[in-house]
PDB file of N, CA and C in Angstrom:
ATOM      1  N   MET A   1    -128.676 273.380 245.221  1.00  0.00           N
ATOM      2  CA  MET A   1    -127.299 273.166 244.380  1.00  0.00           C
ATOM      3  C   MET A   1    -126.627 271.764 244.900  1.00  0.00           C
ATOM      4  N   LEU A   2    -126.243 271.808 246.111  1.00  0.00           N
ATOM      5  CA  LEU A   2    -125.550 270.880 246.645  1.00  0.00           C
ATOM      6  C   LEU A   2    -126.395 269.678 246.481  1.00  0.00           C
ATOM      7  N   VAL A   3    -127.633 269.564 246.514  1.00  0.00           N
ATOM      8  CA  VAL A   3    -128.487 268.007 246.265  1.00  0.00           C
ATOM      9  C   VAL A   3    -128.398 268.013 244.877  1.00  0.00           C
ATOM     10  N   VAL A   4    -128.288 268.638 243.966  1.00  0.00           N
ATOM     11  CA  VAL A   4    -128.251 268.649 242.687  1.00  0.00           C
ATOM     12  C   VAL A   4    -126.776 267.942 242.377  1.00  0.00           C
ATOM     13  N   SER A   5    -125.865 268.552 242.875  1.00  0.00           N
ATOM     14  CA  SER A   5    -124.439 267.908 242.663  1.00  0.00           C
ATOM     15  C   SER A   5    -124.475 266.488 243.152  1.00  0.00           C
ATOM     16  N   ILE A   6    -124.830 266.256 244.337  1.00  0.00           N
ATOM     17  CA  ILE A   6    -124.751 264.824 244.677  1.00  0.00           C
ATOM     18  C   ILE A   6    -125.590 263.803 243.914  1.00  0.00           C
ATOM     19  N   ALA A   7    -126.712 264.459 243.489  1.00  0.00           N
ATOM     20  CA  ALA A   7    -127.654 263.567 242.429  1.00  0.00           C
ATOM     21  C   ALA A   7    -127.021 262.904 241.262  1.00  0.00           C
ATOM     22  N   ALA A   8    -126.322 264.043 240.621  1.00  0.00           N
ATOM     23  CA  ALA A   8    -125.713 263.929 239.612  1.00  0.00           C
ATOM     24  C   ALA A   8    -124.163 262.866 239.785  1.00  0.00           C
ATOM     25  N   ILE A   9    -123.581 263.102 240.804  1.00  0.00           N
ATOM     26  CA  ILE A   9    -122.514 261.961 241.214  1.00  0.00           C
ATOM     27  C   ILE A   9    -123.161 260.521 241.280  1.00  0.00           C
ATOM     28  N   LEU A  10    -124.243 260.266 241.934  1.00  0.00           N
ATOM     29  CA  LEU A  10    -124.843 259.327 242.329  1.00  0.00           C
ATOM     30  C   LEU A  10    -125.473 258.652 240.948  1.00  0.00           C
ATOM     31  N   ALA A  11    -125.856 259.582 240.037  1.00  0.00           N
ATOM     32  CA  ALA A  11    -126.395 258.885 238.716  1.00  0.00           C
ATOM     33  C   ALA A  11    -125.208 258.426 237.750  1.00  0.00           C
ATOM     34  N   LEU A  12    -124.209 259.046 237.789  1.00  0.00           N
ATOM     35  CA  LEU A  12    -122.836 258.459 236.848  1.00  0.00           C
ATOM     36  C   LEU A  12    -122.396 257.564 237.566  1.00  0.00           C
ATOM     37  N   ALA A  13    -122.460 257.188 238.961  1.00  0.00           N
ATOM     38  CA  ALA A  13    -121.531 256.372 239.679  1.00  0.00           C
ATOM     39  C   ALA A  13    -122.321 254.767 239.273  1.00  0.00           C
ATOM     40  N   PRO A  14    -121.274 253.887 238.963  1.00  0.00           N
ATOM     41  CA  PRO A  14    -121.646 252.600 238.521  1.00  0.00           C
ATOM     42  C   PRO A  14    -122.607 252.055 239.793  1.00  0.00           C
ATOM     43  N   THR A  15    -123.671 251.064 239.737  1.00  0.00           N
ATOM     44  CA  THR A  15    -124.002 250.498 241.049  1.00  0.00           C
ATOM     45  C   THR A  15    -123.433 249.086 241.183  1.00  0.00           C
ATOM     46  N   ALA A  16    -122.828 249.017 242.339  1.00  0.00           N
ATOM     47  CA  ALA A  16    -122.271 247.841 242.646  1.00  0.00           C
ATOM     48  C   ALA A  16    -123.143 246.496 242.858  1.00  0.00           C
ATOM     49  N   SER A  17    -124.576 246.694 243.262  1.00  0.00           N
ATOM     50  CA  SER A  17    -125.262 245.673 243.198  1.00  0.00           C
ATOM     51  C   SER A  17    -125.327 244.875 241.834  1.00  0.00           C
ATOM     52  N   GLY A  18    -125.228 245.264 240.833  1.00  0.00           N
ATOM     53  CA  GLY A  18    -125.310 244.886 239.438  1.00  0.00           C
ATOM     54  C   GLY A  18    -124.083 244.056 238.893  1.00  0.00           C
ATOM     55  N   GLU A  19    -122.927 244.466 239.548  1.00  0.00           N
ATOM     56  CA  GLU A  19    -121.825 243.842 239.060  1.00  0.00           C
ATOM     57  C   GLU A  19    -121.188 242.887 239.624  1.00  0.00           C
ATOM     58  N   THR A  20    -120.634 241.906 239.060  1.00  0.00           N
ATOM     59  CA  THR A  20    -119.850 240.822 239.605  1.00  0.00           C
ATOM     60  C   THR A  20    -118.291 241.122 240.016  1.00  0.00           C
ATOM     61  N   THR A  21    -117.800 241.013 240.919  1.00  0.00           N
ATOM     62  CA  THR A  21    -116.392 241.398 241.285  1.00  0.00           C
ATOM     63  C   THR A  21    -115.696 240.247 240.564  1.00  0.00           C
ATOM     64  N   HIS A  22    -114.840 240.410 239.642  1.00  0.00           N
ATOM     65  CA  HIS A  22    -113.786 239.188 239.260  1.00  0.00           C
ATOM     66  C   HIS A  22    -112.424 239.458 239.998  1.00  0.00           C
ATOM     67  N   THR A  23    -112.100 238.352 240.723  1.00  0.00           N
ATOM     68  CA  THR A  23    -111.033 238.098 241.383  1.00  0.00           C
ATOM     69  C   THR A  23    -109.821 237.190 240.778  1.00  0.00           C
ATOM     70  N   TYR A  24    -108.632 237.626 240.936  1.00  0.00           N
ATOM     71  CA  TYR A  24    -107.485 237.258 240.273  1.00  0.00           C
ATOM     72  C   TYR A  24    -106.404 237.197 241.486  1.00  0.00           C
ATOM     73  N   ALA A  25    -105.712 235.841 241.176  1.00  0.00           N
ATOM     74  CA  ALA A  25    -104.626 235.516 242.128  1.00  0.00           C
ATOM     75  C   ALA A  25    -103.650 236.063 241.346  1.00  0.00           C
ATOM     76  N   VAL A  26    -102.236 236.322 242.171  1.00  0.00           N
ATOM     77  CA  VAL A  26    -101.148 237.205 241.745  1.00  0.00           C
ATOM     78  C   VAL A  26     -99.959 235.993 241.994  1.00  0.00           C
ATOM     79  N   THR A  27     -99.003 235.781 241.176  1.00  0.00           N
ATOM     80  CA  THR A  27     -97.888 235.149 241.243  1.00  0.00           C
ATOM     81  C   THR A  27     -96.983 236.028 241.308  1.00  0.00           C
ATOM     82  N   LEU A  28     -95.981 235.886 242.613  1.00  0.00           N
ATOM     83  CA  LEU A  28     -94.790 236.766 242.574  1.00  0.00           C
ATOM     84  C   LEU A  28     -93.465 235.791 242.502  1.00  0.00           C
ATOM     85  N   THR A  29     -92.369 236.120 242.004  1.00  0.00           N
ATOM     86  CA  THR A  29     -91.187 235.128 241.939  1.00  0.00           C
ATOM     87  C   THR A  29     -90.116 236.325 242.540  1.00  0.00           C
ATOM     88  N   ILE A  30     -88.939 235.629 243.085  1.00  0.00           N
ATOM     89  CA  ILE A  30     -87.781 236.537 243.084  1.00  0.00           C
ATOM     90  C   ILE A  30     -86.517 235.430 242.808  1.00  0.00           C
ATOM     91  N   THR A  31     -85.409 236.382 242.311  1.00  0.00           N
ATOM     92  CA  THR A  31     -84.445 235.512 242.031  1.00  0.00           C
ATOM     93  C   THR A  31     -83.278 236.529 242.398  1.00  0.00           C
ATOM     94  N   VAL A  32     -81.962 235.895 242.839  1.00  0.00           N
ATOM     95  CA  VAL A  32     -80.739 236.074 243.187  1.00  0.00           C
ATOM     96  C   VAL A  32     -79.658 236.280 242.254  1.00  0.00           C
ATOM     97  N   ASP A  33     -78.971 237.275 241.884  1.00  0.00           N
ATOM     98  CA  ASP A  33     -77.863 237.177 240.644  1.00  0.00           C
ATOM     99  C   ASP A  33     -76.527 237.416 241.893  1.00  0.00           C
ATOM    100  N   ARG A  34     -76.024 236.730 242.208  1.00  0.00           N
ATOM    101  CA  ARG A  34     -75.000 236.960 243.452  1.00  0.00           C
ATOM    102  C   ARG A  34     -73.567 237.950 242.721  1.00  0.00           C
ATOM    103  N   ALA A  35     -73.461 237.408 241.236  1.00  0.00           N
ATOM    104  CA  ALA A  35     -72.100 238.136 240.668  1.00  0.00           C
ATOM    105  C   ALA A  35     -72.510 239.344 240.590  1.00  0.00           C
ATOM    106  N   ALA A  36     -73.585 239.714 240.027  1.00  0.00           N
ATOM    107  CA  ALA A  36     -73.970 241.509 239.717  1.00  0.00           C
ATOM    108  C   ALA A  36     -74.642 242.155 240.830  1.00  0.00           C
ATOM    109  N   HIS A  37     -74.885 241.395 242.089  1.00  0.00           N
ATOM    110  CA  HIS A  37     -75.300 241.943 243.383  1.00  0.00           C
ATOM    111  C   HIS A  37     -76.564 242.370 243.143  1.00  0.00           C
ATOM    112  N   LYS A  38     -77.725 241.675 242.205  1.00  0.00           N
ATOM    113  CA  LYS A  38     -78.834 242.359 241.735  1.00  0.00           C
ATOM    114  C   LYS A  38     -79.833 241.193 242.687  1.00  0.00           C
ATOM    115  N   ILE A  39     -81.241 241.864 242.676  1.00  0.00           N
ATOM    116  CA  ILE A  39     -82.458 240.908 243.116  1.00  0.00           C
ATOM    117  C   ILE A  39     -83.332 241.362 241.990  1.00  0.00           C
ATOM    118  N   ASP A  40     -83.770 240.351 241.587  1.00  0.00           N
ATOM    119  CA  ASP A  40     -84.775 240.397 240.303  1.00  0.00           C
ATOM    120  C   ASP A  40     -86.144 239.520 240.514  1.00  0.00           C
ATOM    121  N   GLY A  41     -87.050 239.957 239.763  1.00  0.00           N
ATOM    122  CA  GLY A  41     -88.396 239.053 239.944  1.00  0.00           C
ATOM    123  C   GLY A  41     -89.276 239.134 238.868  1.00  0.00           C
ATOM    124  N   ALA A  42     -90.569 238.779 239.022  1.00  0.00           N
ATOM    125  CA  ALA A  42     -91.477 238.862 238.059  1.00  0.00           C
ATOM    126  C   ALA A  42     -92.845 238.634 238.995  1.00  0.00           C
ATOM    127  N   ILE A  43     -93.825 239.389 238.130  1.00  0.00           N
ATOM    128  CA  ILE A  43     -95.177 239.304 238.747  1.00  0.00           C
ATOM    129  C   ILE A  43     -96.211 239.053 237.759  1.00  0.00           C
ATOM    130  N   ALA A  44     -97.057 238.220 237.970  1.00  0.00           N
ATOM    131  CA  ALA A  44     -97.914 237.463 236.963  1.00  0.00           C
ATOM    132  C   ALA A  44     -99.331 237.347 237.520  1.00  0.00           C
ATOM    133  N   SER A  45    -100.333 237.362 236.553  1.00  0.00           N
ATOM    134  CA  SER A  45    -101.663 236.731 237.057  1.00  0.00           C
ATOM    135  C   SER A  45    -102.671 236.628 235.736  1.00  0.00           C
ATOM    136  N   ASP A  46    -103.641 236.321 236.086  1.00  0.00           N
ATOM    137  CA  ASP A  46    -104.670 235.945 234.764  1.00  0.00           C
ATOM    138  C   ASP A  46    -105.473 237.112 234.506  1.00  0.00           C
ATOM    139  N   ALA A  47    -105.533 238.155 235.088  1.00  0.00           N
ATOM    140  CA  ALA A  47    -106.128 239.287 234.880  1.00  0.00           C
ATOM    141  C   ALA A  47    -105.822 239.855 233.443  1.00  0.00           C
ATOM    142  N   PRO A  48    -107.005 240.225 233.209  1.00  0.00           N
ATOM    143  CA  PRO A  48    -107.203 240.844 231.677  1.00  0.00           C
ATOM    144  C   PRO A  48    -106.463 242.192 231.621  1.00  0.00           C
ATOM    145  N   GLY A  49    -105.664 242.648 230.624  1.00  0.00           N
ATOM    146  CA  GLY A  49    -105.244 243.898 230.698  1.00  0.00           C
ATOM    147  C   GLY A  49    -103.985 244.186 231.581  1.00  0.00           C
ATOM    148  N   GLN A  50    -103.514 243.665 232.057  1.00  0.00           N
ATOM    149  CA  GLN A  50    -102.524 243.810 233.093  1.00  0.00           C
ATOM    150  C   GLN A  50    -102.921 244.374 234.396  1.00  0.00           C
ATOM    151  N   PHE A  51    -104.085 244.353 234.708  1.00  0.00           N
ATOM    152  CA  PHE A  51    -104.326 245.254 235.716  1.00  0.00           C
ATOM    153  C   PHE A  51    -103.626 245.030 237.115  1.00  0.00           C
ATOM    154  N   CYS A  52    -103.143 243.516 237.394  1.00  0.00           N
ATOM    155  CA  CYS A  52    -102.685 243.075 238.578  1.00  0.00           C
ATOM    156  C   CYS A  52    -101.007 243.267 238.261  1.00  0.00           C
ATOM    157  N   GLU A  53    -100.477 243.012 237.407  1.00  0.00           N
ATOM    158  CA  GLU A  53     -99.261 243.268 237.162  1.00  0.00           C
ATOM    159  C   GLU A  53     -98.586 244.253 237.316  1.00  0.00           C
ATOM    160  N   LEU A  54     -99.245 245.467 237.558  1.00  0.00           N
ATOM    161  CA  LEU A  54     -98.884 246.891 237.775  1.00  0.00           C
ATOM    162  C   LEU A  54     -98.760 247.144 239.135  1.00  0.00           C
ATOM    163  N   SER A  55     -98.959 246.173 240.021  1.00  0.00           N
ATOM    164  CA  SER A  55     -99.039 246.634 241.403  1.00  0.00           C
ATOM    165  C   SER A  55     -97.543 246.990 241.777  1.00  0.00           C
ATOM    166  N   THR A  56     -97.344 247.788 242.850  1.00  0.00           N
ATOM    167  CA  THR A  56     -96.216 248.326 243.582  1.00  0.00           C
ATOM    168  C   THR A  56     -95.526 247.019 244.308  1.00  0.00           C
ATOM    169  N   VAL A  57     -94.424 246.999 243.821  1.00  0.00           N
ATOM    170  CA  VAL A  57     -93.725 245.403 244.569  1.00  0.00           C
ATOM    171  C   VAL A  57     -93.091 246.213 245.675  1.00  0.00           C
ATOM    172  N   ARG A  58     -93.207 245.466 246.879  1.00  0.00           N
ATOM    173  CA  ARG A  58     -92.329 245.824 248.264  1.00  0.00           C
ATOM    174  C   ARG A  58     -91.266 244.812 248.454  1.00  0.00           C
ATOM    175  N   ILE A  59     -90.058 245.512 248.674  1.00  0.00           N
ATOM    176  CA  ILE A  59     -89.074 244.288 249.076  1.00  0.00           C
ATOM    177  C   ILE A  59     -89.081 244.553 250.914  1.00  0.00           C
ATOM    178  N   ARG A  60     -89.173 243.562 251.475  1.00  0.00           N
ATOM    179  CA  ARG A  60     -89.340 243.549 252.901  1.00  0.00           C
ATOM    180  C   ARG A  60     -88.104 242.809 253.476  1.00  0.00           C
ATOM    181  N   LYS A  61     -87.389 243.344 254.378  1.00  0.00           N
ATOM    182  CA  LYS A  61     -86.256 242.672 255.202  1.00  0.00           C
ATOM    183  C   LYS A  61     -86.686 241.984 256.493  1.00  0.00           C
ATOM    184  N   VAL A  62     -86.407 240.564 256.784  1.00  0.00           N
ATOM    185  CA  VAL A  62     -87.121 239.646 257.322  1.00  0.00           C
ATOM    186  C   VAL A  62     -86.443 240.426 259.147  1.00  0.00           C
ATOM    187  N   MET A  63     -87.153 240.734 260.060  1.00  0.00           N
ATOM    188  CA  MET A  63     -86.676 241.389 261.021  1.00  0.00           C
ATOM    189  C   MET A  63     -87.494 240.652 262.340  1.00  0.00           C
ATOM    190  N   PRO A  64     -87.302 240.508 263.745  1.00  0.00           N
ATOM    191  CA  PRO A  64     -88.155 240.220 264.432  1.00  0.00           C
ATOM    192  C   PRO A  64     -89.181 241.042 264.509  1.00  0.00           C
ATOM    193  N   GLY A  65     -90.211 240.829 265.014  1.00  0.00           N
ATOM    194  CA  GLY A  65     -91.614 241.634 264.894  1.00  0.00           C
ATOM    195  C   GLY A  65     -92.026 242.083 263.400  1.00  0.00           C
ATOM    196  N   LYS A  66     -92.338 243.404 263.130  1.00  0.00           N
ATOM    197  CA  LYS A  66     -92.774 243.621 261.814  1.00  0.00           C
ATOM    198  C   LYS A  66     -91.339 243.649 260.861  1.00  0.00           C
ATOM    199  N   ASP A  67     -91.683 243.247 259.728  1.00  0.00           N
ATOM    200  CA  ASP A  67     -90.702 243.301 258.659  1.00  0.00           C
ATOM    201  C   ASP A  67     -90.718 244.843 258.036  1.00  0.00           C
ATOM    202  N   LYS A  68     -89.188 245.249 258.067  1.00  0.00           N
ATOM    203  CA  LYS A  68     -89.005 246.549 257.450  1.00  0.00           C
ATOM    204  C   LYS A  68     -89.232 246.461 255.661  1.00  0.00           C
ATOM    205  N   VAL A  69     -89.760 247.798 255.249  1.00  0.00           N
ATOM    206  CA  VAL A  69     -89.679 247.694 253.983  1.00  0.00           C
ATOM    207  C   VAL A  69     -88.484 248.321 253.743  1.00  0.00           C
ATOM    208  N   VAL A  70     -87.431 247.898 252.659  1.00  0.00           N
ATOM    209  CA  VAL A  70     -86.309 248.550 252.085  1.00  0.00           C
ATOM    210  C   VAL A  70     -86.313 248.861 250.844  1.00  0.00           C
ATOM    211  N   ALA A  71     -87.480 248.692 249.788  1.00  0.00           N
ATOM    212  CA  ALA A  71     -87.650 249.176 248.547  1.00  0.00           C
ATOM    213  C   ALA A  71     -89.015 249.048 248.130  1.00  0.00           C
ATOM    214  N   ARG A  72     -89.365 249.990 247.305  1.00  0.00           N
ATOM    215  CA  ARG A  72     -90.675 249.876 246.758  1.00  0.00           C
ATOM    216  C   ARG A  72     -90.083 249.880 245.037  1.00  0.00           C
ATOM    217  N   LEU A  73     -90.913 249.295 244.585  1.00  0.00           N
ATOM    218  CA  LEU A  73     -90.419 249.031 243.140  1.00  0.00           C
ATOM    219  C   LEU A  73     -91.756 249.117 242.019  1.00  0.00           C
ATOM    220  N   THR A  74     -91.791 249.548 240.983  1.00  0.00           N
ATOM    221  CA  THR A  74     -92.667 249.531 239.732  1.00  0.00           C
ATOM    222  C   THR A  74     -92.390 248.576 238.745  1.00  0.00           C
ATOM    223  N   PRO A  75     -92.969 247.294 238.645  1.00  0.00           N
ATOM    224  CA  PRO A  75     -92.559 246.689 237.328  1.00  0.00           C
ATOM    225  C   PRO A  75     -92.928 247.012 236.129  1.00  0.00           C
ATOM    226  N   TYR A  76     -91.898 246.933 235.315  1.00  0.00           N
ATOM    227  CA  TYR A  76     -91.886 247.301 233.762  1.00  0.00           C
ATOM    228  C   TYR A  76     -91.807 245.787 233.063  1.00  0.00           C
ATOM    229  N   ALA A  77     -93.009 245.897 232.167  1.00  0.00           N
ATOM    230  CA  ALA A  77     -93.339 244.590 231.450  1.00  0.00           C
ATOM    231  C   ALA A  77     -93.201 243.164 232.243  1.00  0.00           C
ATOM    232  N   ASN A  78     -93.980 243.380 233.452  1.00  0.00           N
ATOM    233  CA  ASN A  78     -94.252 242.696 234.436  1.00  0.00           C
ATOM    234  C   ASN A  78     -92.822 242.015 235.266  1.00  0.00           C
ATOM    235  N   GLU A  79     -91.896 242.741 234.980  1.00  0.00           N
ATOM    236  CA  GLU A  79     -90.485 242.100 235.839  1.00  0.00           C
ATOM    237  C   GLU A  79     -90.178 243.440 236.787  1.00  0.00           C
ATOM    238  N   TRP A  80     -89.415 243.070 237.480  1.00  0.00           N
ATOM    239  CA  TRP A  80     -89.002 244.006 238.265  1.00  0.00           C
ATOM    240  C   TRP A  80     -87.384 243.793 238.434  1.00  0.00           C
ATOM    241  N   HIS A  81     -86.684 245.003 238.918  1.00  0.00           N
ATOM    242  CA  HIS A  81     -85.078 244.704 239.349  1.00  0.00           C
ATOM    243  C   HIS A  81     -84.447 245.735 240.295  1.00  0.00           C
ATOM    244  N   MET A  82     -83.560 245.212 240.898  1.00  0.00           N
ATOM    245  CA  MET A  82     -83.108 246.195 241.800  1.00  0.00           C
ATOM    246  C   MET A  82     -81.377 245.966 242.296  1.00  0.00           C
ATOM    247  N   LYS A  83     -80.670 246.626 242.092  1.00  0.00           N
ATOM    248  CA  LYS A  83     -79.331 246.656 243.156  1.00  0.00           C
ATOM    249  C   LYS A  83     -79.392 246.354 244.297  1.00  0.00           C
ATOM    250  N   SER A  84     -78.489 245.127 245.117  1.00  0.00           N
ATOM    251  CA  SER A  84     -78.589 244.950 246.231  1.00  0.00           C
ATOM    252  C   SER A  84     -77.878 246.219 247.085  1.00  0.00           C
ATOM    253  N   PRO A  85     -78.151 246.989 247.805  1.00  0.00           N
ATOM    254  CA  PRO A  85     -76.889 247.656 248.300  1.00  0.00           C
ATOM    255  C   PRO A  85     -76.351 247.131 249.499  1.00  0.00           C
ATOM    256  N   PRO A  86     -75.061 247.546 249.867  1.00  0.00           N
ATOM    257  CA  PRO A  86     -74.258 246.987 250.586  1.00  0.00           C
ATOM    258  C   PRO A  86     -74.794 246.572 252.172  1.00  0.00           C
ATOM    259  N   ALA A  87     -75.670 247.748 252.460  1.00  0.00           N
ATOM    260  CA  ALA A  87     -76.551 247.509 253.944  1.00  0.00           C
ATOM    261  C   ALA A  87     -77.347 246.227 253.866  1.00  0.00           C
ATOM    262  N   LEU A  88     -77.764 245.652 252.853  1.00  0.00           N
ATOM    263  CA  LEU A  88     -78.772 244.525 252.594  1.00  0.00           C
ATOM    264  C   LEU A  88     -78.044 243.245 252.494  1.00  0.00           C
ATOM    265  N   ARG A  89     -76.862 243.492 252.324  1.00  0.00           N
ATOM    266  CA  ARG A  89     -76.165 242.127 251.977  1.00  0.00           C
ATOM    267  C   ARG A  89     -75.969 241.410 253.067  1.00  0.00           C
ATOM    268  N   GLY A  90     -76.540 239.719 252.320  1.00  0.00           N
ATOM    269  CA  GLY A  90     -76.466 238.757 253.828  1.00  0.00           C
ATOM    270  C   GLY A  90     -77.666 238.895 254.437  1.00  0.00           C
ATOM    271  N   GLU A  91     -78.595 239.655 254.251  1.00  0.00           N
ATOM    272  CA  GLU A  91     -79.907 239.825 255.064  1.00  0.00           C
ATOM    273  C   GLU A  91     -80.978 238.942 254.151  1.00  0.00           C
ATOM    274  N   ARG A  92     -81.871 238.251 255.120  1.00  0.00           N
ATOM    275  CA  ARG A  92     -83.182 237.711 254.386  1.00  0.00           C
ATOM    276  C   ARG A  92     -84.282 238.523 253.935  1.00  0.00           C
ATOM    277  N   VAL A  93     -84.479 238.721 252.473  1.00  0.00           N
ATOM    278  CA  VAL A  93     -85.482 239.444 252.228  1.00  0.00           C
ATOM    279  C   VAL A  93     -86.568 238.814 251.300  1.00  0.00           C
ATOM    280  N   TYR A  94     -87.535 239.397 250.876  1.00  0.00           N
ATOM    281  CA  TYR A  94     -88.681 238.831 250.130  1.00  0.00           C
ATOM    282  C   TYR A  94     -89.685 239.942 249.492  1.00  0.00           C
ATOM    283  N   ALA A  95     -90.234 239.755 248.312  1.00  0.00           N
ATOM    284  CA  ALA A  95     -91.054 240.579 247.740  1.00  0.00           C
ATOM    285  C   ALA A  95     -92.539 240.314 248.059  1.00  0.00           C
ATOM    286  N   GLU A  96     -93.337 241.510 248.179  1.00  0.00           N
ATOM    287  CA  GLU A  96     -94.836 241.267 248.314  1.00  0.00           C
ATOM    288  C   GLU A  96     -95.465 242.345 247.650  1.00  0.00           C
ATOM    289  N   VAL A  97     -96.894 242.087 247.330  1.00  0.00           N
ATOM    290  CA  VAL A  97     -97.707 243.110 246.614  1.00  0.00           C
ATOM    291  C   VAL A  97     -98.820 242.595 247.661  1.00  0.00           C
ATOM    292  N   SER A  98     -99.611 244.051 247.925  1.00  0.00           N
ATOM    293  CA  SER A  98    -101.117 244.079 248.449  1.00  0.00           C
ATOM    294  C   SER A  98    -102.010 243.566 247.664  1.00  0.00           C
ATOM    295  N   SER A  99    -103.268 243.264 248.236  1.00  0.00           N
ATOM    296  CA  SER A  99    -104.427 243.147 247.367  1.00  0.00           C
ATOM    297  C   SER A  99    -104.969 244.528 247.518  1.00  0.00           C
ATOM    298  N   TYR A 100    -105.901 244.425 246.297  1.00  0.00           N
ATOM    299  CA  TYR A 100    -106.613 245.915 246.265  1.00  0.00           C
ATOM    300  C   TYR A 100    -107.311 245.789 245.232  1.00  0.00           C
ATOM    301  N   HIS A 101    -108.525 246.594 245.182  1.00  0.00           N
ATOM    302  CA  HIS A 101    -109.653 246.559 244.549  1.00  0.00           C
ATOM    303  C   HIS A 101    -109.350 247.510 243.457  1.00  0.00           C
ATOM    304  N   LEU A 102    -109.863 247.431 241.773  1.00  0.00           N
ATOM    305  CA  LEU A 102    -109.486 248.369 240.962  1.00  0.00           C
ATOM    306  C   LEU A 102    -110.778 249.494 241.256  1.00  0.00           C
ATOM    307  N   PRO A 103    -110.401 250.814 241.455  1.00  0.00           N
ATOM    308  CA  PRO A 103    -111.485 251.757 241.453  1.00  0.00           C
ATOM    309  C   PRO A 103    -112.264 251.924 240.338  1.00  0.00           C
ATOM    310  N   GLY A 104    -113.306 251.650 240.538  1.00  0.00           N
ATOM    311  CA  GLY A 104    -114.190 252.328 239.136  1.00  0.00           C
ATOM    312  C   GLY A 104    -114.505 250.626 238.165  1.00  0.00           C
ATOM    313  N   ARG A 105    -113.767 249.536 238.594  1.00  0.00           N
ATOM    314  CA  ARG A 105    -113.798 248.369 237.895  1.00  0.00           C
ATOM    315  C   ARG A 105    -114.136 247.248 238.675  1.00  0.00           C
ATOM    316  N   PRO A 106    -114.948 246.152 238.314  1.00  0.00           N
ATOM    317  CA  PRO A 106    -115.256 245.028 239.018  1.00  0.00           C
ATOM    318  C   PRO A 106    -114.153 244.097 239.241  1.00  0.00           C
ATOM    319  N   VAL A 107    -112.923 244.702 239.485  1.00  0.00           N
ATOM    320  CA  VAL A 107    -111.573 243.618 239.604  1.00  0.00           C
ATOM    321  C   VAL A 107    -111.082 243.669 240.823  1.00  0.00           C
ATOM    322  N   GLU A 108    -110.618 242.715 241.245  1.00  0.00           N
ATOM    323  CA  GLU A 108    -109.753 242.561 242.542  1.00  0.00           C
ATOM    324  C   GLU A 108    -108.632 241.618 242.508  1.00  0.00           C
ATOM    325  N   CYS A 109    -107.635 242.205 242.825  1.00  0.00           N
ATOM    326  CA  CYS A 109    -106.057 241.235 242.752  1.00  0.00           C
ATOM    327  C   CYS A 109    -105.908 241.135 244.183  1.00  0.00           C
ATOM    328  N   PHE A 110    -105.745 239.815 244.274  1.00  0.00           N
ATOM    329  CA  PHE A 110    -105.229 239.412 245.679  1.00  0.00           C
ATOM    330  C   PHE A 110    -103.736 239.504 245.902  1.00  0.00           C
ATOM    331  N   GLY A 111    -103.424 239.493 247.016  1.00  0.00           N
ATOM    332  CA  GLY A 111    -101.721 239.906 247.497  1.00  0.00           C
ATOM    333  C   GLY A 111    -101.116 238.685 247.407  1.00  0.00           C
ATOM    334  N   ALA A 112     -99.943 238.965 247.368  1.00  0.00           N
ATOM    335  CA  ALA A 112     -98.987 237.944 247.035  1.00  0.00           C
ATOM    336  C   ALA A 112     -97.418 238.022 247.925  1.00  0.00           C
ATOM    337  N   ARG A 113     -97.012 236.798 248.116  1.00  0.00           N
ATOM    338  CA  ARG A 113     -95.736 236.875 248.683  1.00  0.00           C
ATOM    339  C   ARG A 113     -94.616 235.959 248.168  1.00  0.00           C
ATOM    340  N   SER A 114     -93.493 236.532 247.645  1.00  0.00           N
ATOM    341  CA  SER A 114     -92.647 235.646 247.274  1.00  0.00           C
ATOM    342  C   SER A 114     -91.938 234.566 248.265  1.00  0.00           C
ATOM    343  N   ARG A 115     -90.846 233.830 247.749  1.00  0.00           N
ATOM    344  CA  ARG A 115     -90.076 232.952 248.957  1.00  0.00           C
ATOM    345  C   ARG A 115     -88.906 233.725 249.600  1.00  0.00           C
ATOM    346  N   THR A 116     -88.435 233.710 250.569  1.00  0.00           N
ATOM    347  CA  THR A 116     -87.427 234.391 250.864  1.00  0.00           C
ATOM    348  C   THR A 116     -86.109 233.818 250.916  1.00  0.00           C
ATOM    349  N   VAL A 117     -85.427 234.878 250.380  1.00  0.00           N
ATOM    350  CA  VAL A 117     -84.204 234.847 250.063  1.00  0.00           C
ATOM    351  C   VAL A 117     -82.971 235.313 250.604  1.00  0.00           C
ATOM    352  N   THR A 118     -81.670 235.031 250.348  1.00  0.00           N
ATOM    353  CA  THR A 118     -80.663 235.825 251.195  1.00  0.00           C
ATOM    354  C   THR A 118     -80.062 237.051 250.144  1.00  0.00           C
ATOM    355  N   ALA A 119     -80.134 238.382 250.415  1.00  0.00           N
ATOM    356  CA  ALA A 119     -79.520 239.306 249.492  1.00  0.00           C
ATOM    357  C   ALA A 119     -77.923 238.961 249.096  1.00  0.00           C
ATOM    358  N   PRO A 120     -77.715 239.245 248.037  1.00  0.00           N
ATOM    359  CA  PRO A 120     -76.352 239.005 247.660  1.00  0.00           C
ATOM    360  C   PRO A 120     -75.470 240.255 248.318  1.00  0.00           C
TER     361      PRO A 120
END
């Protein structure tokens, strides 16, 4: 029974040897609206179907050693927005997305990092 189940799974799984993995660069921007105390940005790539634009955006605070993740945001229509909390004001922050391979598809999105800005 177990051997039959494993054989069925392997028969349905696509073979990696016959597929070409398409790689796409991701561009990540960040802007600051000091009057509204907001941090905004956009994510873009040439990947079809917005595969790479739906990546979770992490906002990191620059610190000695490893930078701390202060927010995780999901883009909507390739844009993301957040209010700058009082604890973050005046700190240096940047946005980043990790590289990943889409499961079940021959698409790989490269990671990206924005420039560093001072939070409002």
